[in-house]
Amino acid sequence: MSELRQQALDYHAFPVPGKIAIQLTKPAETAHDLTLAYSPGVAEPVLEIAANPDEAYRYTAKANLVAVITNGTAILGLGNLGPLAAKPVMEGKALLFKRFAGIDAIDIEVSHRDNDDFIRTVANIADSFGGINLEDIKAPECFVIERALIECCDVPVFHDDQHGTAIVTAAGLLNALEIQGKSLPDARIVCLGAGAAGIACMDLLIACGARREHIFMIDRHGVIRSERTDLNGEKPRFINDSGPRTLHEAMQQADVFVGVSGPDLVSDADVAAMAPRPVIFACSNPDPEISPERVRDVRSDAIMGTGRSDYPNQINNVLCFPFLFRGALDVRARRINTEMKKAAVDALRLLAHQPVPIEVQAAAGVTDLTFGPDYVIPKPMDPRLLPVVARAVAQAAVSSGVARLSLPDRYR
């Protein structure tokens, strides 16, 4: 057993199993405390909520509570291992919500027969929470599930594997293109991986200004083209018949490569074929589509990002989802819309332009962190992420009409 494996197992097992627990927010020491906490005092908020359901935000934990929900069909890069096997990941997501944004989160693992069964289960419990974070649900089912829940739930529903990845990728990519002297509308983009993350990344890039005709999406059978008979789900929206059929052909003079697929799928020749000053985000975890070392050997003019913390420019969802939900919860948003996602992109992108506090550099283990090829996206431990991203998201929710509250005073 490797040292890391044993450390990970011990971390989850000791001193108590798991990573989250319930803590009390009210005193429960005296008989009078219990009279207020339960019978008969609890009847008073019950009656208030029965008369006006919005009072649940005032008298219960709903306003700061997110459910992290999965069916375990796409756990990390491990595949369909079932809902119970996903529980450590969902508890980990709950830990990140609390650590980075002060949000209470509870994990829920759902066994189900089909999409409709899963959708009904989540919809029937959604009112207990201020928001729903869907996680580790495979494509193409994840698109159907998320759309249905957005329509039938009165709280924000967000599939982080799709949109969290897309927001952080778009922010880093816009900055990298700026450094390389290129623009998103003019960029030729290759996306390797046509699952939840790949589709969402390209959708958000289009919303930010990329041109659909400049995007070449590639799955295990090659470029998404109209003559293929195996296309399902969202893939047909990205048909591009303008020439390339293979990854190598698509990489010819490409400005951008986004990888959300698997390890070691990109060759040195693929990278060498790209346009001058390329941007390469190889985000397969733990091993990228091509290593930064190999890219460096082939292209000294490239900007490189990965999903790993031991290389510069980590494309990490934790830069987004805690703060996006913080902003959504603080204005009681009914949903998380494109305007809120783009606001998060801009907030992340612009924060990387700002001088980096000494304590953030120390936590990152570097002595010189300035906007440039090795710093196109903020570091996860940057305390400015919470106020900056949350405020941008909350303001976008208010401006786009999905908020039930005005911007809190602390954001002003």
Protein backbone atom coordinates (compact mmCIF):
# COMPACT_ATOMS: atom_id res chain seq x y z
CA MET A 1 0.00 0.00 0.00
CA SER A 2 1.43 3.38 -1.00
CA GLU A 3 2.10 5.99 1.66
CA LEU A 4 -0.46 8.40 0.20
CA ARG A 5 -3.15 5.71 0.04
CA GLN A 6 -2.65 4.84 3.71
CA GLN A 7 -2.64 8.50 4.71
CA ALA A 8 -5.91 9.07 2.81
CA LEU A 9 -7.59 6.07 4.43
CA ASP A 10 -6.41 7.10 7.90
CA TYR A 11 -7.56 10.69 7.30
CA HIS A 12 -11.08 9.48 6.56
CA ALA A 13 -11.21 6.89 9.37
CA PHE A 14 -9.67 8.70 12.37
CA PRO A 15 -10.29 10.14 14.92
CA VAL A 16 -13.92 9.63 13.85
CA PRO A 17 -15.19 8.26 10.53
CA GLY A 18 -16.01 10.80 7.82
CA LYS A 19 -15.33 14.51 7.31
CA ILE A 20 -18.48 16.32 8.45
CA ALA A 21 -20.70 16.48 11.56
CA ILE A 22 -23.69 18.40 12.94
CA GLN A 23 -23.12 21.19 15.44
CA LEU A 24 -25.73 23.03 17.52
CA THR A 25 -26.36 26.73 16.94
CA LYS A 26 -28.68 27.27 19.92
CA PRO A 27 -28.28 26.52 23.66
CA ALA A 28 -29.72 23.20 24.84
CA GLU A 29 -28.59 23.14 28.46
CA THR A 30 -31.73 23.82 30.47
CA ALA A 31 -35.32 22.67 30.57
CA HIS A 32 -36.36 26.06 29.21
CA ASP A 33 -33.90 25.72 26.31
CA LEU A 34 -35.54 22.41 25.39
CA THR A 35 -38.98 23.97 25.73
CA LEU A 36 -37.98 26.50 23.06
CA ALA A 37 -36.04 24.07 20.89
CA TYR A 38 -38.70 21.40 20.77
CA SER A 39 -42.10 20.97 22.38
CA PRO A 40 -44.04 23.19 22.87
CA GLY A 41 -41.99 26.16 21.63
CA VAL A 42 -41.17 24.72 18.20
CA ALA A 43 -44.86 24.94 17.29
CA GLU A 44 -44.54 28.73 16.90
CA PRO A 45 -42.13 28.73 13.91
CA VAL A 46 -44.10 25.78 12.49
CA LEU A 47 -47.22 27.94 12.36
CA GLU A 48 -45.30 30.89 10.90
CA ILE A 49 -43.88 28.74 8.10
CA ALA A 50 -47.25 27.11 7.42
CA ALA A 51 -48.72 30.58 6.92
CA ASN A 52 -45.77 31.80 4.80
CA PRO A 53 -43.23 29.26 3.47
CA ASP A 54 -40.58 31.98 3.01
CA GLU A 55 -40.38 32.19 6.82
CA ALA A 56 -38.38 28.94 6.65
CA TYR A 57 -35.43 31.15 5.70
CA ARG A 58 -35.91 33.08 8.95
CA TYR A 59 -36.58 30.29 11.43
CA THR A 60 -34.56 27.34 10.09
CA ALA A 61 -31.09 26.67 8.65
CA LYS A 62 -32.41 26.63 5.07
CA ALA A 63 -30.86 29.99 4.11
CA ASN A 64 -27.33 28.64 4.56
CA LEU A 65 -27.83 24.97 3.69
CA VAL A 66 -26.85 23.20 0.45
CA ALA A 67 -27.50 19.57 -0.47
CA VAL A 68 -24.67 17.84 -2.32
CA ILE A 69 -26.47 15.12 -4.29
CA THR A 70 -25.21 12.29 -6.51
CA ASN A 71 -26.16 8.96 -8.00
CA GLY A 72 -22.52 7.86 -8.18
CA THR A 73 -22.49 7.25 -11.93
CA ALA A 74 -19.31 9.27 -12.63
CA ILE A 75 -17.19 9.41 -9.50
CA LEU A 76 -14.05 11.50 -10.12
CA GLY A 77 -12.24 9.63 -12.89
CA LEU A 78 -13.21 6.25 -11.44
CA GLY A 79 -16.51 5.77 -13.26
CA ASN A 80 -19.86 4.33 -12.20
CA LEU A 81 -19.20 2.85 -8.78
CA GLY A 82 -22.61 3.51 -7.26
CA PRO A 83 -24.03 6.10 -4.86
CA LEU A 84 -22.58 4.78 -1.60
CA ALA A 85 -19.03 4.74 -3.01
CA ALA A 86 -19.51 8.43 -3.85
CA LYS A 87 -20.17 9.39 -0.23
CA PRO A 88 -16.53 10.29 0.61
CA VAL A 89 -16.47 12.66 -2.37
CA MET A 90 -19.80 14.26 -1.41
CA GLU A 91 -18.60 14.70 2.19
CA GLY A 92 -15.46 16.28 0.78
CA LYS A 93 -17.58 18.72 -1.21
CA ALA A 94 -19.47 19.58 1.98
CA LEU A 95 -16.14 20.20 3.71
CA LEU A 96 -15.10 22.63 0.96
CA PHE A 97 -18.40 24.53 1.14
CA LYS A 98 -17.87 25.09 4.86
CA ARG A 99 -14.13 25.77 4.73
CA PHE A 100 -14.20 28.32 1.92
CA ALA A 101 -17.63 29.97 2.14
CA GLY A 102 -19.08 29.18 5.56
CA ILE A 103 -21.95 27.24 3.95
CA ASP A 104 -23.42 24.23 5.73
CA ALA A 105 -23.76 21.30 3.35
CA ILE A 106 -25.07 17.77 3.70
CA ASP A 107 -24.39 14.91 1.32
CA ILE A 108 -27.22 12.82 -0.15
CA GLU A 109 -26.57 9.68 -2.19
CA VAL A 110 -29.54 8.52 -4.27
CA SER A 111 -30.21 4.98 -5.48
CA HIS A 112 -32.58 5.13 -8.44
CA ARG A 113 -34.01 3.16 -11.35
CA ASP A 114 -33.93 5.87 -14.04
CA ASN A 115 -33.62 9.62 -14.60
CA ASP A 116 -37.25 10.28 -13.69
CA ASP A 117 -36.85 8.43 -10.42
CA PHE A 118 -33.77 10.47 -9.51
CA ILE A 119 -35.42 13.74 -10.55
CA ARG A 120 -38.52 13.03 -8.46
CA THR A 121 -36.42 12.16 -5.42
CA VAL A 122 -34.42 15.38 -5.55
CA ALA A 123 -37.42 17.56 -6.41
CA ASN A 124 -39.37 16.15 -3.47
CA ILE A 125 -36.70 17.14 -0.93
CA ALA A 126 -35.45 20.37 -2.55
CA ASP A 127 -37.48 22.74 -0.36
CA SER A 128 -35.45 21.61 2.67
CA PHE A 129 -32.40 23.39 1.28
CA GLY A 130 -31.28 26.79 0.07
CA GLY A 131 -29.56 25.22 -2.95
CA ILE A 132 -28.78 21.91 -4.69
CA ASN A 133 -25.26 20.99 -5.84
CA LEU A 134 -25.38 18.02 -8.23
CA GLU A 135 -22.17 16.03 -8.42
CA ASP A 136 -20.59 13.03 -10.16
CA ILE A 137 -23.51 12.26 -12.50
CA LYS A 138 -22.51 10.93 -15.91
CA ALA A 139 -23.29 12.47 -19.28
CA PRO A 140 -25.61 12.66 -21.11
CA GLU A 141 -28.00 11.98 -18.20
CA CYS A 142 -26.59 14.90 -16.20
CA PHE A 143 -27.92 17.41 -18.74
CA VAL A 144 -31.45 16.00 -18.63
CA ILE A 145 -31.44 15.80 -14.83
CA GLU A 146 -30.14 19.30 -14.25
CA ARG A 147 -32.54 20.92 -16.74
CA ALA A 148 -35.54 19.16 -15.24
CA LEU A 149 -34.59 20.11 -11.68
CA ILE A 150 -33.92 23.74 -12.59
CA GLU A 151 -37.46 23.94 -13.96
CA CYS A 152 -39.24 22.26 -11.07
CA CYS A 153 -37.25 23.51 -8.05
CA ASP A 154 -37.58 26.94 -6.46
CA VAL A 155 -33.96 26.95 -5.25
CA PRO A 156 -30.77 27.12 -7.36
CA VAL A 157 -29.65 23.81 -8.89
CA PHE A 158 -26.05 23.62 -10.12
CA HIS A 159 -24.12 20.68 -11.58
CA ASP A 160 -20.59 21.58 -10.57
CA ASP A 161 -18.87 19.06 -12.86
CA GLN A 162 -20.36 21.05 -15.72
CA HIS A 163 -20.48 24.68 -14.72
CA GLY A 164 -17.83 24.96 -12.02
CA THR A 165 -15.28 23.54 -14.43
CA ALA A 166 -16.54 25.82 -17.19
CA ILE A 167 -16.36 29.00 -15.10
CA VAL A 168 -12.80 28.43 -13.91
CA THR A 169 -11.66 27.30 -17.37
CA ALA A 170 -13.18 30.36 -19.05
CA ALA A 171 -11.62 32.77 -16.54
CA GLY A 172 -8.15 31.26 -16.92
CA LEU A 173 -8.45 30.98 -20.68
CA LEU A 174 -9.48 34.62 -21.15
CA ASN A 175 -6.48 35.74 -19.13
CA ALA A 176 -4.11 33.41 -20.96
CA LEU A 177 -5.32 34.63 -24.35
CA GLU A 178 -4.86 38.22 -23.20
CA ILE A 179 -1.26 37.47 -22.23
CA GLN A 180 -0.70 35.72 -25.58
CA GLY A 181 -2.09 38.72 -27.47
CA LYS A 182 -5.12 36.83 -28.79
CA SER A 183 -8.89 37.26 -28.57
CA LEU A 184 -11.54 34.66 -27.77
CA PRO A 185 -13.72 35.38 -30.85
CA ASP A 186 -10.75 34.78 -33.15
CA ALA A 187 -9.35 31.74 -31.33
CA ARG A 188 -9.42 28.27 -32.91
CA ILE A 189 -10.34 25.94 -30.03
CA VAL A 190 -9.90 22.19 -29.67
CA CYS A 191 -11.80 20.45 -26.86
CA LEU A 192 -10.81 16.85 -26.14
CA GLY A 193 -13.66 15.31 -24.16
CA ALA A 194 -17.35 15.62 -25.00
CA GLY A 195 -18.85 14.80 -21.62
CA ALA A 196 -20.40 17.09 -19.01
CA ALA A 197 -17.31 19.26 -18.48
CA GLY A 198 -16.39 19.59 -22.14
CA ILE A 199 -19.89 20.52 -23.28
CA ALA A 200 -20.32 23.05 -20.46
CA CYS A 201 -16.90 24.61 -21.06
CA MET A 202 -17.64 25.19 -24.73
CA ASP A 203 -21.16 26.50 -24.02
CA LEU A 204 -19.80 29.07 -21.57
CA LEU A 205 -16.96 30.07 -23.89
CA ILE A 206 -19.54 30.71 -26.60
CA ALA A 207 -21.53 32.84 -24.13
CA CYS A 208 -18.30 34.76 -23.47
CA GLY A 209 -17.64 35.40 -27.17
CA ALA A 210 -16.10 32.30 -28.76
CA ARG A 211 -17.42 31.33 -32.19
CA ARG A 212 -19.07 27.94 -32.51
CA GLU A 213 -17.56 27.48 -35.97
CA HIS A 214 -14.07 27.81 -34.46
CA ILE A 215 -14.63 24.96 -31.98
CA PHE A 216 -13.62 21.37 -32.69
CA MET A 217 -15.00 18.97 -30.08
CA ILE A 218 -13.46 15.52 -30.01
CA ASP A 219 -14.54 12.31 -28.31
CA ARG A 220 -12.98 8.85 -28.46
CA HIS A 221 -14.17 8.44 -32.08
CA GLY A 222 -12.79 11.73 -33.39
CA VAL A 223 -14.16 15.16 -34.24
CA ILE A 224 -17.93 15.62 -33.83
CA ARG A 225 -19.09 15.65 -37.45
CA SER A 226 -22.46 15.27 -39.16
CA GLU A 227 -21.65 11.99 -40.94
CA ARG A 228 -21.23 10.18 -37.62
CA THR A 229 -24.13 7.94 -36.57
CA ASP A 230 -23.12 7.53 -32.91
CA LEU A 231 -23.79 11.07 -31.66
CA ASN A 232 -26.06 11.38 -28.61
CA GLY A 233 -27.08 13.89 -25.97
CA GLU A 234 -25.59 17.34 -26.47
CA LYS A 235 -22.91 16.37 -28.97
CA PRO A 236 -24.84 17.26 -32.16
CA ARG A 237 -24.83 20.92 -31.11
CA PHE A 238 -21.08 20.93 -31.73
CA ILE A 239 -20.97 19.38 -35.19
CA ASN A 240 -18.18 20.98 -37.21
CA ASP A 241 -17.69 19.74 -40.76
CA SER A 242 -15.09 22.31 -41.78
CA GLY A 243 -12.24 19.84 -42.23
CA PRO A 244 -10.54 17.95 -39.39
CA ARG A 245 -11.57 14.43 -38.49
CA THR A 246 -8.88 13.50 -35.95
CA LEU A 247 -7.28 15.15 -32.95
CA HIS A 248 -4.01 15.70 -34.77
CA GLU A 249 -5.75 17.32 -37.73
CA ALA A 250 -7.76 19.57 -35.42
CA MET A 251 -4.60 20.67 -33.57
CA GLN A 252 -3.11 22.14 -36.75
CA GLN A 253 -2.81 25.89 -36.04
CA ALA A 254 -5.11 25.64 -33.00
CA ASP A 255 -4.82 28.55 -30.56
CA VAL A 256 -6.38 26.73 -27.61
CA PHE A 257 -6.49 23.16 -26.35
CA VAL A 258 -8.89 22.24 -23.53
CA GLY A 259 -8.57 18.68 -22.25
CA VAL A 260 -11.24 17.10 -20.03
CA SER A 261 -10.68 13.52 -21.07
CA GLY A 262 -7.89 11.18 -19.97
CA PRO A 263 -4.13 10.91 -19.45
CA ASP A 264 -1.47 11.02 -22.18
CA LEU A 265 -3.84 11.40 -25.13
CA VAL A 266 -1.97 14.35 -26.70
CA SER A 267 1.35 13.83 -28.46
CA ASP A 268 4.35 16.09 -28.79
CA ALA A 269 3.52 16.37 -32.49
CA ASP A 270 0.02 17.60 -31.66
CA VAL A 271 1.44 20.41 -29.53
CA ALA A 272 4.10 21.27 -32.10
CA ALA A 273 1.35 21.67 -34.73
CA MET A 274 -0.48 24.37 -32.77
CA ALA A 275 -0.42 28.06 -33.70
CA PRO A 276 2.21 30.40 -32.25
CA ARG A 277 1.69 31.30 -28.56
CA PRO A 278 -0.86 28.57 -27.82
CA VAL A 279 -2.84 28.03 -24.62
CA ILE A 280 -3.03 24.45 -23.33
CA PHE A 281 -5.33 23.50 -20.46
CA ALA A 282 -4.80 19.76 -19.97
CA CYS A 283 -7.11 19.08 -17.02
CA SER A 284 -7.44 15.31 -16.80
CA ASN A 285 -6.78 14.32 -13.18
CA PRO A 286 -4.53 13.12 -11.72
CA ASP A 287 -2.57 12.77 -14.96
CA PRO A 288 -3.10 15.39 -17.70
CA GLU A 289 -3.55 14.76 -21.41
CA ILE A 290 0.05 15.91 -21.80
CA SER A 291 2.49 16.85 -19.04
CA PRO A 292 3.80 20.40 -18.59
CA GLU A 293 7.33 19.04 -18.95
CA ARG A 294 6.61 17.65 -22.40
CA VAL A 295 4.87 20.84 -23.49
CA ARG A 296 7.84 22.87 -22.30
CA ASP A 297 10.20 20.69 -24.35
CA VAL A 298 8.14 21.28 -27.51
CA ARG A 299 6.75 24.81 -27.12
CA SER A 300 8.49 27.43 -25.02
CA ASP A 301 5.81 29.93 -26.13
CA ALA A 302 2.85 28.02 -24.63
CA ILE A 303 0.82 28.88 -21.54
CA MET A 304 -0.04 25.69 -19.68
CA GLY A 305 -2.69 24.85 -17.11
CA THR A 306 -3.65 21.54 -15.47
CA GLY A 307 -5.99 20.27 -12.77
CA ARG A 308 -3.07 19.64 -10.42
CA SER A 309 -1.90 21.73 -7.48
CA ASP A 310 1.79 20.94 -8.04
CA TYR A 311 1.95 22.92 -11.30
CA PRO A 312 1.15 26.57 -12.05
CA ASN A 313 -2.34 27.57 -13.24
CA GLN A 314 -4.42 24.94 -11.50
CA ILE A 315 -7.93 24.79 -13.00
CA ASN A 316 -9.73 23.91 -9.78
CA ASN A 317 -13.51 24.01 -9.18
CA VAL A 318 -12.98 25.14 -5.59
CA LEU A 319 -12.19 28.57 -7.06
CA CYS A 320 -15.84 28.82 -8.02
CA PHE A 321 -18.60 26.74 -6.46
CA PRO A 322 -18.38 27.81 -2.76
CA PHE A 323 -18.39 31.50 -3.65
CA LEU A 324 -20.99 31.18 -6.39
CA PHE A 325 -23.38 29.49 -3.97
CA ARG A 326 -22.53 32.07 -1.29
CA GLY A 327 -23.64 34.87 -3.59
CA ALA A 328 -26.74 32.96 -4.73
CA LEU A 329 -27.81 32.14 -1.17
CA ASP A 330 -27.25 35.68 0.10
CA VAL A 331 -29.86 37.08 -2.30
CA ARG A 332 -32.06 33.95 -2.27
CA ALA A 333 -31.64 33.38 -5.99
CA ARG A 334 -34.23 31.08 -7.58
CA ARG A 335 -31.66 29.73 -10.01
CA ILE A 336 -28.07 30.15 -11.21
CA ASN A 337 -28.27 31.64 -14.69
CA THR A 338 -25.78 32.49 -17.42
CA GLU A 339 -25.44 36.07 -16.17
CA MET A 340 -24.31 34.78 -12.76
CA LYS A 341 -21.84 32.36 -14.33
CA LYS A 342 -20.34 35.10 -16.50
CA ALA A 343 -20.11 37.39 -13.47
CA ALA A 344 -18.10 34.67 -11.70
CA VAL A 345 -15.84 34.36 -14.76
CA ASP A 346 -15.14 38.09 -14.80
CA ALA A 347 -14.55 38.26 -11.04
CA LEU A 348 -12.02 35.41 -11.18
CA ARG A 349 -10.36 36.79 -14.29
CA LEU A 350 -9.92 40.29 -12.89
CA LEU A 351 -8.79 39.13 -9.46
CA ALA A 352 -5.76 37.48 -11.08
CA HIS A 353 -4.73 40.92 -12.37
CA GLN A 354 -4.47 42.31 -8.82
CA PRO A 355 -1.32 42.23 -6.65
CA VAL A 356 -1.18 39.01 -4.65
CA PRO A 357 -1.00 39.31 -0.84
CA ILE A 358 2.17 38.02 0.80
CA GLU A 359 0.24 35.43 2.84
CA VAL A 360 -1.27 33.95 -0.33
CA GLN A 361 2.16 33.65 -1.92
CA ALA A 362 3.45 31.96 1.23
CA ALA A 363 0.54 29.50 1.26
CA ALA A 364 1.21 28.74 -2.41
CA GLY A 365 4.90 28.16 -1.69
CA VAL A 366 6.15 30.87 -4.05
CA THR A 367 7.88 34.20 -3.58
CA ASP A 368 6.80 36.02 -6.74
CA LEU A 369 3.22 35.60 -7.91
CA THR A 370 2.21 38.17 -10.52
CA PHE A 371 -0.17 38.13 -13.47
CA GLY A 372 1.59 36.35 -16.32
CA PRO A 373 2.14 32.96 -17.99
CA ASP A 374 2.49 31.12 -14.66
CA TYR A 375 -0.38 32.94 -12.94
CA VAL A 376 -3.53 33.31 -15.03
CA ILE A 377 -6.03 32.26 -12.34
CA PRO A 378 -6.15 32.97 -8.57
CA LYS A 379 -4.97 30.46 -6.01
CA PRO A 380 -7.64 28.54 -4.04
CA MET A 381 -6.35 29.82 -0.69
CA ASP A 382 -6.77 33.49 -1.66
CA PRO A 383 -9.17 35.00 0.93
CA ARG A 384 -10.31 37.64 -1.57
CA LEU A 385 -12.20 35.01 -3.57
CA LEU A 386 -15.10 34.92 -1.12
CA PRO A 387 -16.04 38.63 -1.14
CA VAL A 388 -15.10 39.27 -4.76
CA VAL A 389 -16.79 36.31 -6.47
CA ALA A 390 -19.78 36.13 -4.13
CA ARG A 391 -20.56 39.82 -4.55
CA ALA A 392 -20.30 39.61 -8.36
CA VAL A 393 -22.65 36.62 -8.44
CA ALA A 394 -25.14 38.21 -6.03
CA GLN A 395 -25.18 41.45 -8.03
CA ALA A 396 -25.76 39.53 -11.27
CA ALA A 397 -28.64 37.63 -9.65
CA VAL A 398 -30.25 40.90 -8.58
CA SER A 399 -29.66 42.58 -11.95
CA SER A 400 -31.02 39.61 -13.93
CA GLY A 401 -34.18 39.32 -11.84
CA VAL A 402 -33.70 35.89 -10.21
CA ALA A 403 -32.99 37.22 -6.68
CA ARG A 404 -35.66 37.48 -4.00
CA LEU A 405 -33.58 39.85 -1.84
CA SER A 406 -31.65 43.01 -2.63
CA LEU A 407 -27.87 43.10 -2.34
CA PRO A 408 -26.86 42.72 1.34
CA ASP A 409 -25.30 45.74 3.01
CA ARG A 410 -21.95 44.01 3.48
CA TYR A 411 -21.66 43.65 -0.31
CA ARG A 412 -22.31 47.35 -0.83
